[in-house]
Structures are given as structure tokens and as C-alpha cells.
Amino acid sequence: KDKAFMRLTDTETEAEAAAALSGLLGTEALRDIVLYHVTPGIATADEVFFTDFDEAKDLEMANGDTVRARWVRLKDGTGNKVIPAWKAVDIEASNGIIHTLREVILPPADA
């Protein structure tokens, strides 16, 4: 199940989440959200998530916005603190590595 999108739309099933998001298909808003999930040049979960406890780093996303990484969580453009899903952190794909999250990270509302 795509629990992240189900949480985002406050729905119980993937079909309900898809229906709730269907108005975004083909829009600039959906493109912005998708590109907000891409960090060029970052390879492993250690490079993305782990910082010193009292330090933070900003990750530049493919849409030009930033996500702040601090310790083992990300802070998205809405101020939401997102924790990775540790059971499947580094999934190798043909064009990079996928880091799974428990929630959808969102760009700033004004973007």
C-alpha cells in the first residue's frame, strides 16, 4: 500500500488516495511535488539522513527548493518533520537510490 499518500489525503485505501489526488494529474503542482522528492548527487541514507545531532544540512531538491535534514528526519517545505521508513532505506534503482519515507514531503505552499 502507498501509505504515504493515504496519510496525505486522509484516506483508507490506495484507490481513495488516487481519487483524491486525481485533480493534480498533469498539473504543475504534481510536477513540483514529484521533483521535490529528487536530490541529485545524494547516494546513501547515511549521506541524506545522518548529521550530528546538533547540526542540520539543507538538501537541494530537483525543483529548486530545499529540504532540511537533521539527525534522522527531514523537515519539508511545510515544516512537517518526516522520518524515513528504516526497513527499506536504500533501494537500488537503475537511475539512483530510493529512500523510503513514511509520509509525503511537500514543497512550500507558495511554490
Protein backbone atom coordinates (compact mmCIF):
# COMPACT_ATOMS: atom_id res chain seq x y z
CA LYS A 1 0.00 0.00 0.00
CA ASP A 2 1.10 3.55 -0.60
CA LYS A 3 0.59 4.62 2.98
CA ALA A 4 2.33 7.96 2.50
CA PHE A 5 -0.27 9.18 0.00
CA MET A 6 -3.06 7.65 2.06
CA ARG A 7 -1.85 9.68 5.07
CA LEU A 8 -1.56 12.81 2.93
CA THR A 9 -5.16 12.53 1.72
CA ASP A 10 -6.56 11.07 4.95
CA THR A 11 -7.97 8.08 3.08
CA GLU A 12 -8.17 4.35 3.86
CA THR A 13 -7.26 2.78 0.50
CA GLU A 14 -4.93 3.40 -2.41
CA ALA A 15 -7.95 3.86 -4.69
CA GLU A 16 -9.36 6.58 -2.42
CA ALA A 17 -5.95 8.29 -2.30
CA ALA A 18 -5.67 8.13 -6.11
CA ALA A 19 -9.15 9.62 -6.48
CA ALA A 20 -8.33 12.39 -4.02
CA LEU A 21 -5.16 13.25 -5.96
CA SER A 22 -6.61 12.80 -9.47
CA GLY A 23 -7.17 16.54 -9.82
CA LEU A 24 -3.40 17.03 -9.69
CA LEU A 25 -2.62 14.77 -12.66
CA GLY A 26 -0.81 16.63 -15.39
CA THR A 27 -0.53 19.82 -13.34
CA GLU A 28 2.46 21.92 -12.42
CA ALA A 29 1.65 21.23 -8.74
CA LEU A 30 2.15 17.47 -9.21
CA ARG A 31 5.37 18.05 -11.15
CA ASP A 32 6.62 20.26 -8.31
CA ILE A 33 5.77 17.62 -5.68
CA VAL A 34 7.48 14.84 -7.68
CA LEU A 35 10.64 16.89 -8.31
CA TYR A 36 10.68 17.85 -4.62
CA HIS A 37 11.43 14.18 -3.94
CA VAL A 38 14.62 14.09 -6.05
CA THR A 39 18.05 15.02 -4.71
CA PRO A 40 20.72 14.96 -7.41
CA GLY A 41 24.07 13.59 -6.24
CA ILE A 42 22.94 12.06 -2.94
CA ALA A 43 23.63 8.35 -2.78
CA THR A 44 23.11 6.64 0.57
CA ALA A 45 20.82 7.08 3.55
CA ASP A 46 23.86 7.98 5.63
CA GLU A 47 24.53 10.94 3.33
CA VAL A 48 20.89 12.04 3.38
CA PHE A 49 19.67 11.46 6.92
CA PHE A 50 22.54 11.29 9.36
CA THR A 51 24.04 14.50 10.63
CA ASP A 52 25.50 15.35 14.00
CA PHE A 53 22.65 15.67 16.48
CA ASP A 54 23.07 19.42 16.87
CA GLU A 55 23.70 20.14 13.18
CA ALA A 56 21.45 20.31 10.14
CA LYS A 57 22.07 20.37 6.42
CA ASP A 58 19.95 21.62 3.57
CA LEU A 59 19.41 19.30 0.61
CA GLU A 60 18.74 20.98 -2.72
CA MET A 61 15.84 19.26 -4.45
CA ALA A 62 15.35 18.94 -8.22
CA ASN A 63 12.58 21.57 -8.19
CA GLY A 64 14.93 24.18 -6.69
CA ASP A 65 13.52 24.10 -3.14
CA THR A 66 15.35 22.69 -0.13
CA VAL A 67 14.65 20.07 2.49
CA ARG A 68 16.41 20.32 5.84
CA ALA A 69 17.96 17.11 7.17
CA ARG A 70 18.69 16.91 10.87
CA TRP A 71 19.76 13.73 12.60
CA VAL A 72 17.34 11.08 11.26
CA ARG A 73 14.47 13.21 9.99
CA LEU A 74 13.67 15.64 7.22
CA LYS A 75 11.81 18.92 7.54
CA ASP A 76 9.84 19.70 4.40
CA GLY A 77 8.61 22.99 2.98
CA THR A 78 5.50 22.96 5.18
CA GLY A 79 7.51 22.46 8.38
CA ASN A 80 6.42 18.82 8.65
CA LYS A 81 9.05 16.54 10.19
CA VAL A 82 9.30 13.30 8.22
CA ILE A 83 11.06 10.16 9.41
CA PRO A 84 12.40 7.58 6.95
CA ALA A 85 11.00 4.04 6.85
CA TRP A 86 14.06 2.18 8.08
CA LYS A 87 13.03 -1.27 6.84
CA ALA A 88 13.77 -0.24 3.24
CA VAL A 89 16.15 2.69 3.31
CA ASP A 90 18.47 2.20 0.31
CA ILE A 91 16.64 0.57 -2.61
CA GLU A 92 18.86 0.49 -5.68
CA ALA A 93 17.16 1.54 -8.92
CA SER A 94 18.53 1.80 -12.45
CA ASN A 95 18.91 5.58 -12.15
CA GLY A 96 19.81 6.05 -8.48
CA ILE A 97 18.81 5.05 -4.97
CA ILE A 98 15.34 5.29 -3.45
CA HIS A 99 14.97 6.23 0.22
CA THR A 100 11.52 5.34 1.53
CA LEU A 101 9.63 7.74 3.77
CA ARG A 102 6.57 7.31 5.96
CA GLU A 103 4.94 10.48 4.66
CA VAL A 104 4.90 12.59 1.52
CA ILE A 105 7.27 15.53 1.75
CA LEU A 106 5.70 18.70 0.40
CA PRO A 107 7.28 21.81 -1.08
CA PRO A 108 6.48 25.20 0.43
CA ALA A 109 2.85 26.22 -0.16
CA ASP A 110 3.91 29.32 -2.09
CA ALA A 111 5.95 27.30 -4.60
